Amino acid sequence: MRIRDSRRRGRALAAAGLLVVLGVGACSAGGDSGDTAGSAAQPQSVAGGAADRDQAAPEKAQSGAGGADLRVDQRAIIYTGTLQVRVDDVERAAREASTAATAAGGFVGGDQRNSDSADARAELTLRVPAERFTTVLEALVKLGDQERREVRTEDVTEETVDLDARIATQRARVDSARRLLARATSITDLVTLENEVGRREADLASLEAKKRRLADLTALSTITVTFVGPEAAAVEDEEDLGFLAGLRGGWSAFLGSLRVALTVLGAVLPFAVAIGVPVALVLALARRRRRRTPPGGPALPEGPVPSGPPPVPAARSGP
């Protein structure tokens, strides 16, 4: 009986151990499958997060800090360009530049030309849409040999936003003053409110004029192009510095001052001769007359002066 009981206990323990081993294997397999599923799902979540961030990025850019749009295409920027191009035919280049500005939707704001063959030169001020600024600039450069180029930008976004806020506030003030004017009951109040409405409307018109000016500068860029002929003198971009440059400048200034002094002397000399000679003659005659007439007392008689003591008068006899 004892042998049978020990055998049963051994079989029970073996069965329990087998169940434990099978359970541990199932748990490990479940964990591996869970990990695999988790690792497979992780890239999807990352991709989903990236997609969410990409979708949220434009909203953040649109809202921004304080509600301002910081995208470049939404900013108010003034573009200004300056060009100097050497060409073979100045007149033809000026016509092509005007055509390029007109074709881009702009116009010619200024045109100065010098048709002298020795120093042919044309300076044009072109107003073109801001989005066509670079295109027109490159088209002008292709007309000849570029000698000088300068492009400047000015961001006036904050100024534009500030003007919009000030205009809105000023319009509200004008409307408030007009409502008070409509309810005025006395002549004094009527005159006072009319003056106040006029002042506020003038301030509003000034702000709106500034806004229109900024809108014009940002909508239409300015390009100043100078076409010079092949024989025109080149413009020095940099100033000469140093002792020799200072000496040349000082000598040039001295010669300029000397020429000015000689010019003034030549202009004054005829007046000096015409007025100075008669005045000198009158002064010489007056000086000679003063020498002949001694100062004070009667004039001495002419002829020899008698010598000896003066005669003694005779004594008078008594009565």
Protein backbone atom coordinates (compact mmCIF):
# COMPACT_ATOMS: atom_id res chain seq x y z
CA MET A 1 0.00 0.00 0.00
CA ARG A 2 2.79 2.36 0.88
CA ILE A 3 4.49 1.62 -2.45
CA ARG A 4 1.31 2.39 -4.35
CA ASP A 5 0.77 5.65 -2.43
CA SER A 6 4.35 6.80 -3.19
CA ARG A 7 3.86 6.02 -6.86
CA ARG A 8 0.62 8.03 -6.95
CA ARG A 9 2.29 10.96 -5.26
CA GLY A 10 5.16 10.81 -7.79
CA ARG A 11 2.73 10.78 -10.68
CA ALA A 12 0.81 13.72 -9.22
CA LEU A 13 4.00 15.74 -8.72
CA ALA A 14 5.14 14.95 -12.28
CA ALA A 15 1.76 16.04 -13.67
CA ALA A 16 1.88 19.25 -11.63
CA GLY A 17 5.43 20.01 -12.85
CA LEU A 18 4.38 19.43 -16.45
CA LEU A 19 1.46 21.81 -16.03
CA VAL A 20 3.77 24.45 -14.54
CA VAL A 21 6.21 24.10 -17.45
CA LEU A 22 3.41 24.38 -20.00
CA GLY A 23 1.99 27.42 -18.22
CA VAL A 24 5.37 29.24 -18.17
CA GLY A 25 5.84 28.56 -21.90
CA ALA A 26 2.41 29.89 -22.71
CA CYS A 27 3.07 33.03 -20.68
CA SER A 28 6.40 33.64 -22.41
CA ALA A 29 4.81 33.14 -25.83
CA GLY A 30 2.00 35.53 -24.94
CA GLY A 31 4.53 38.09 -23.75
CA ASP A 32 6.54 37.76 -26.95
CA SER A 33 3.45 38.18 -29.08
CA GLY A 34 2.42 41.17 -26.97
CA ASP A 35 5.83 42.74 -27.37
CA THR A 36 5.75 42.12 -31.10
CA ALA A 37 2.32 43.64 -31.38
CA GLY A 38 3.45 46.59 -29.27
CA SER A 39 6.57 47.15 -31.41
CA ALA A 40 4.49 46.92 -34.56
CA ALA A 41 1.98 49.36 -33.20
CA GLN A 42 4.63 51.83 -32.02
CA PRO A 43 5.66 53.15 -35.47
CA GLN A 44 2.01 53.65 -36.30
CA SER A 45 1.53 55.72 -33.16
CA VAL A 46 4.70 57.71 -33.91
CA ALA A 47 3.56 58.27 -37.48
CA GLY A 48 0.15 59.24 -36.21
CA GLY A 49 1.75 61.67 -33.74
CA ALA A 50 3.88 63.16 -36.50
CA ALA A 51 0.81 63.52 -38.68
CA ASP A 52 -1.02 65.17 -35.79
CA ARG A 53 1.90 67.55 -35.29
CA ASP A 54 1.97 68.34 -39.02
CA GLN A 55 -1.73 69.10 -38.93
CA ALA A 56 -1.34 71.16 -35.79
CA ALA A 57 1.68 73.08 -37.13
CA PRO A 58 -0.26 75.27 -39.59
CA GLU A 59 -2.81 76.04 -36.89
CA LYS A 60 -0.01 77.05 -34.54
CA ALA A 61 1.61 79.12 -37.30
CA GLN A 62 -1.69 80.80 -38.01
CA SER A 63 -2.44 81.49 -34.38
CA GLY A 64 1.18 82.21 -33.35
CA ALA A 65 2.19 84.21 -30.34
CA GLY A 66 -0.34 86.95 -29.86
CA GLY A 67 -2.32 85.97 -32.97
CA ALA A 68 0.29 87.30 -35.52
CA ASP A 69 0.93 85.39 -38.74
CA LEU A 70 4.69 84.91 -39.05
CA ARG A 71 4.74 83.31 -42.49
CA VAL A 72 6.87 85.16 -45.04
CA ASP A 73 4.14 85.34 -47.66
CA GLN A 74 1.86 87.04 -45.14
CA ARG A 75 4.31 89.70 -43.98
CA ALA A 76 4.38 93.31 -45.23
CA ILE A 77 7.82 93.81 -46.81
CA ILE A 78 9.04 96.75 -48.89
CA TYR A 79 11.53 95.79 -51.62
CA THR A 80 13.85 98.39 -53.12
CA GLY A 81 16.46 97.69 -55.80
CA THR A 82 19.21 99.76 -57.42
CA LEU A 83 21.02 98.69 -60.59
CA GLN A 84 23.67 100.07 -62.91
CA VAL A 85 24.08 98.25 -66.21
CA ARG A 86 26.50 99.07 -69.03
CA VAL A 87 24.89 98.54 -72.43
CA ASP A 88 25.78 99.15 -76.06
CA ASP A 89 22.59 101.09 -76.85
CA VAL A 90 21.15 103.14 -73.99
CA GLU A 91 17.92 104.09 -75.75
CA ARG A 92 17.11 100.50 -76.71
CA ALA A 93 17.85 99.25 -73.17
CA ALA A 94 15.59 101.94 -71.68
CA ARG A 95 12.73 100.95 -74.01
CA GLU A 96 13.13 97.27 -73.13
CA ALA A 97 13.19 98.08 -69.40
CA SER A 98 9.96 100.07 -69.71
CA THR A 99 8.37 97.21 -71.62
CA ALA A 100 9.45 94.67 -68.97
CA ALA A 101 7.94 96.77 -66.17
CA THR A 102 4.67 97.23 -68.04
CA ALA A 103 4.45 93.53 -68.92
CA ALA A 104 4.91 92.63 -65.23
CA GLY A 105 1.90 94.74 -64.29
CA GLY A 106 3.83 97.84 -63.19
CA PHE A 107 4.64 101.24 -64.64
CA VAL A 108 7.50 103.72 -65.15
CA GLY A 109 7.62 106.21 -62.28
CA GLY A 110 10.52 108.31 -63.58
CA ASP A 111 12.64 108.62 -66.73
CA GLN A 112 15.77 110.75 -67.14
CA ARG A 113 17.97 110.35 -70.22
CA ASN A 114 21.11 111.91 -71.63
CA SER A 115 21.54 111.05 -75.30
CA ASP A 116 25.04 112.45 -75.62
CA SER A 117 27.08 109.82 -77.47
CA ALA A 118 30.17 110.48 -75.34
CA ASP A 119 28.34 110.03 -72.05
CA ALA A 120 25.00 108.38 -72.85
CA ARG A 121 23.01 107.64 -69.72
CA ALA A 122 19.41 106.79 -68.80
CA GLU A 123 17.96 106.50 -65.30
CA LEU A 124 14.54 104.89 -64.89
CA THR A 125 12.41 104.40 -61.78
CA LEU A 126 10.22 101.33 -62.19
CA ARG A 127 7.29 100.30 -59.96
CA VAL A 128 6.52 96.59 -60.27
CA PRO A 129 4.41 94.17 -58.18
CA ALA A 130 6.31 92.74 -55.22
CA GLU A 131 5.88 89.15 -56.40
CA ARG A 132 7.53 90.03 -59.74
CA PHE A 133 10.39 92.03 -58.21
CA THR A 134 13.10 89.38 -58.66
CA THR A 135 11.92 88.44 -62.15
CA VAL A 136 12.08 92.01 -63.43
CA LEU A 137 15.42 92.57 -61.71
CA GLU A 138 16.99 89.59 -63.46
CA ALA A 139 15.50 90.69 -66.79
CA LEU A 140 17.14 94.10 -66.44
CA VAL A 141 20.51 92.56 -65.61
CA LYS A 142 20.41 90.52 -68.84
CA LEU A 143 20.24 93.70 -70.95
CA GLY A 144 23.98 94.34 -70.51
CA ASP A 145 26.88 94.04 -68.08
CA GLN A 146 25.95 94.58 -64.46
CA GLU A 147 28.27 97.04 -62.67
CA ARG A 148 26.43 97.75 -59.46
CA ARG A 149 23.53 96.07 -57.68
CA GLU A 150 21.87 96.75 -54.34
CA VAL A 151 18.68 95.24 -52.94
CA ARG A 152 17.15 96.43 -49.66
CA THR A 153 14.16 95.10 -47.75
CA GLU A 154 12.17 96.69 -44.94
CA ASP A 155 9.71 94.68 -42.86
CA VAL A 156 6.76 96.92 -41.90
CA THR A 157 4.46 94.19 -40.61
CA GLU A 158 4.39 95.52 -37.05
CA GLU A 159 3.81 99.07 -38.27
CA THR A 160 0.94 97.89 -40.46
CA VAL A 161 -0.68 95.97 -37.59
CA ASP A 162 -0.26 98.98 -35.31
CA LEU A 163 -1.87 101.26 -37.89
CA ASP A 164 -4.82 98.88 -38.27
CA ALA A 165 -5.39 98.91 -34.50
CA ARG A 166 -5.08 102.72 -34.31
CA ILE A 167 -7.46 103.17 -37.26
CA ALA A 168 -10.07 100.91 -35.63
CA THR A 169 -9.77 102.82 -32.35
CA GLN A 170 -9.98 106.20 -34.06
CA ARG A 171 -13.07 105.15 -36.03
CA ALA A 172 -14.74 104.17 -32.78
CA ARG A 173 -13.88 107.60 -31.33
CA VAL A 174 -15.31 109.34 -34.39
CA ASP A 175 -18.55 107.36 -34.14
CA SER A 176 -18.83 108.16 -30.43
CA ALA A 177 -18.33 111.88 -31.07
CA ARG A 178 -20.93 111.81 -33.84
CA ARG A 179 -23.48 110.18 -31.53
CA LEU A 180 -22.85 112.87 -28.91
CA LEU A 181 -23.19 115.53 -31.60
CA ALA A 182 -26.57 114.14 -32.62
CA ARG A 183 -27.79 114.50 -29.00
CA ALA A 184 -26.47 118.05 -28.50
CA THR A 185 -29.12 120.44 -27.15
CA SER A 186 -27.28 123.77 -26.79
CA ILE A 187 -25.26 125.92 -29.21
CA THR A 188 -22.17 125.69 -27.01
CA ASP A 189 -22.26 121.91 -26.93
CA LEU A 190 -22.94 121.82 -30.68
CA VAL A 191 -19.91 123.97 -31.52
CA THR A 192 -17.65 122.08 -29.13
CA LEU A 193 -18.70 118.67 -30.44
CA GLU A 194 -18.39 119.78 -34.07
CA ASN A 195 -14.80 120.85 -33.42
CA GLU A 196 -14.08 117.55 -31.66
CA VAL A 197 -15.60 115.54 -34.51
CA GLY A 198 -13.55 117.49 -37.05
CA ARG A 199 -10.32 116.91 -35.09
CA ARG A 200 -10.97 113.19 -34.73
CA GLU A 201 -11.87 112.84 -38.41
CA ALA A 202 -8.63 114.63 -39.37
CA ASP A 203 -6.61 112.22 -37.21
CA LEU A 204 -8.43 109.28 -38.80
CA ALA A 205 -7.73 110.60 -42.31
CA SER A 206 -4.02 110.96 -41.45
CA LEU A 207 -3.81 107.38 -40.21
CA GLU A 208 -5.63 106.08 -43.28
CA ALA A 209 -3.24 108.01 -45.54
CA LYS A 210 -0.27 106.36 -43.82
CA LYS A 211 -1.90 102.97 -44.26
CA ARG A 212 -2.46 103.61 -47.98
CA ARG A 213 1.15 104.71 -48.35
CA LEU A 214 2.44 101.53 -46.71
CA ALA A 215 0.06 99.43 -48.79
CA ASP A 216 1.38 101.07 -51.96
CA LEU A 217 5.02 100.51 -50.99
CA THR A 218 4.44 96.86 -50.10
CA ALA A 219 2.27 96.09 -53.12
CA LEU A 220 4.57 97.77 -55.65
CA SER A 221 8.35 97.47 -55.31
CA THR A 222 10.71 100.16 -56.60
CA ILE A 223 13.63 99.48 -58.96
CA THR A 224 15.97 102.31 -59.94
CA VAL A 225 18.04 101.22 -62.94
CA THR A 226 20.77 103.28 -64.61
CA PHE A 227 21.92 102.36 -68.11
CA VAL A 228 25.30 103.78 -69.18
CA GLY A 229 26.89 103.68 -72.59
CA PRO A 230 30.15 101.90 -73.42
CA GLU A 231 32.12 105.17 -73.25
CA ALA A 232 30.58 106.53 -70.06
CA ALA A 233 32.87 107.00 -67.09
CA ALA A 234 32.58 104.36 -64.41
CA VAL A 235 31.27 105.42 -61.04
CA GLU A 236 33.66 104.77 -58.16
CA ASP A 237 31.89 102.74 -55.52
CA GLU A 238 34.47 103.09 -52.78
CA GLU A 239 36.12 106.25 -51.50
CA ASP A 240 39.91 106.52 -51.48
CA LEU A 241 41.41 106.74 -48.01
CA GLY A 242 44.90 107.47 -46.75
CA PHE A 243 47.45 110.27 -46.74
CA LEU A 244 47.63 110.67 -50.51
CA ALA A 245 43.86 110.78 -50.78
CA GLY A 246 43.74 113.46 -48.09
CA LEU A 247 46.50 115.42 -49.82
CA ARG A 248 44.64 115.31 -53.12
CA GLY A 249 41.47 116.39 -51.42
CA GLY A 250 43.19 119.27 -49.63
CA TRP A 251 44.93 120.45 -52.82
CA SER A 252 41.65 120.34 -54.71
CA ALA A 253 39.97 122.34 -51.94
CA PHE A 254 42.80 124.91 -52.01
CA LEU A 255 42.56 125.33 -55.78
CA GLY A 256 38.80 125.64 -55.50
CA SER A 257 39.12 128.36 -52.83
CA LEU A 258 41.73 130.18 -54.92
CA ARG A 259 39.49 130.15 -57.96
CA VAL A 260 36.61 131.50 -55.88
CA ALA A 261 38.81 134.30 -54.48
CA LEU A 262 40.06 135.29 -57.96
CA THR A 263 36.50 135.27 -59.25
CA VAL A 264 35.37 137.60 -56.47
CA LEU A 265 38.36 139.88 -57.07
CA GLY A 266 37.64 140.07 -60.78
CA ALA A 267 34.01 140.96 -60.05
CA VAL A 268 34.90 143.71 -57.53
CA LEU A 269 37.84 145.27 -59.44
CA PRO A 270 35.79 147.34 -61.96
CA PHE A 271 33.75 148.89 -59.15
CA ALA A 272 36.91 149.63 -57.17
CA VAL A 273 38.50 151.43 -60.14
CA ALA A 274 35.36 153.40 -61.03
CA ILE A 275 34.74 154.56 -57.46
CA GLY A 276 38.22 154.51 -55.91
CA VAL A 277 40.00 156.83 -58.42
CA PRO A 278 37.64 159.85 -58.01
CA VAL A 279 37.62 159.39 -54.24
CA ALA A 280 41.45 159.31 -54.19
CA LEU A 281 41.63 162.58 -56.24
CA VAL A 282 39.20 164.37 -53.92
CA LEU A 283 41.18 163.28 -50.86
CA ALA A 284 44.49 164.47 -52.42
CA LEU A 285 43.07 167.97 -53.21
CA ALA A 286 41.66 168.31 -49.72
CA ARG A 287 44.99 167.34 -48.16
CA ARG A 288 46.90 169.90 -50.29
CA ARG A 289 44.49 172.67 -49.29
CA ARG A 290 44.93 171.88 -45.61
CA ARG A 291 48.71 172.19 -46.00
CA ARG A 292 48.41 175.73 -47.50
CA THR A 293 46.07 177.09 -44.81
CA PRO A 294 47.59 176.97 -41.25
CA PRO A 295 45.16 175.96 -38.56
CA GLY A 296 43.68 178.93 -36.54
CA GLY A 297 44.32 182.75 -36.82
CA PRO A 298 44.28 185.09 -39.82
CA ALA A 299 46.52 184.61 -42.76
CA LEU A 300 49.91 186.43 -42.70
CA PRO A 301 50.36 189.39 -45.17
CA GLU A 302 52.47 188.78 -48.13
CA GLY A 303 55.81 190.75 -48.66
CA PRO A 304 58.85 191.53 -46.43
CA VAL A 305 58.29 191.91 -42.73
CA PRO A 306 59.70 195.29 -41.26
CA SER A 307 62.57 194.94 -38.80
CA GLY A 308 63.17 196.92 -35.55
CA PRO A 309 61.00 197.79 -32.56
CA PRO A 310 57.50 198.98 -33.16
CA PRO A 311 56.94 202.82 -33.04
CA VAL A 312 56.03 204.39 -29.65
CA PRO A 313 52.88 206.51 -29.72
CA ALA A 314 53.33 210.28 -28.82
CA ALA A 315 52.40 211.41 -25.35
CA ARG A 316 49.29 213.55 -25.08
CA SER A 317 49.63 217.04 -23.47
CA GLY A 318 47.48 218.00 -20.55
CA PRO A 319 44.68 220.54 -20.70
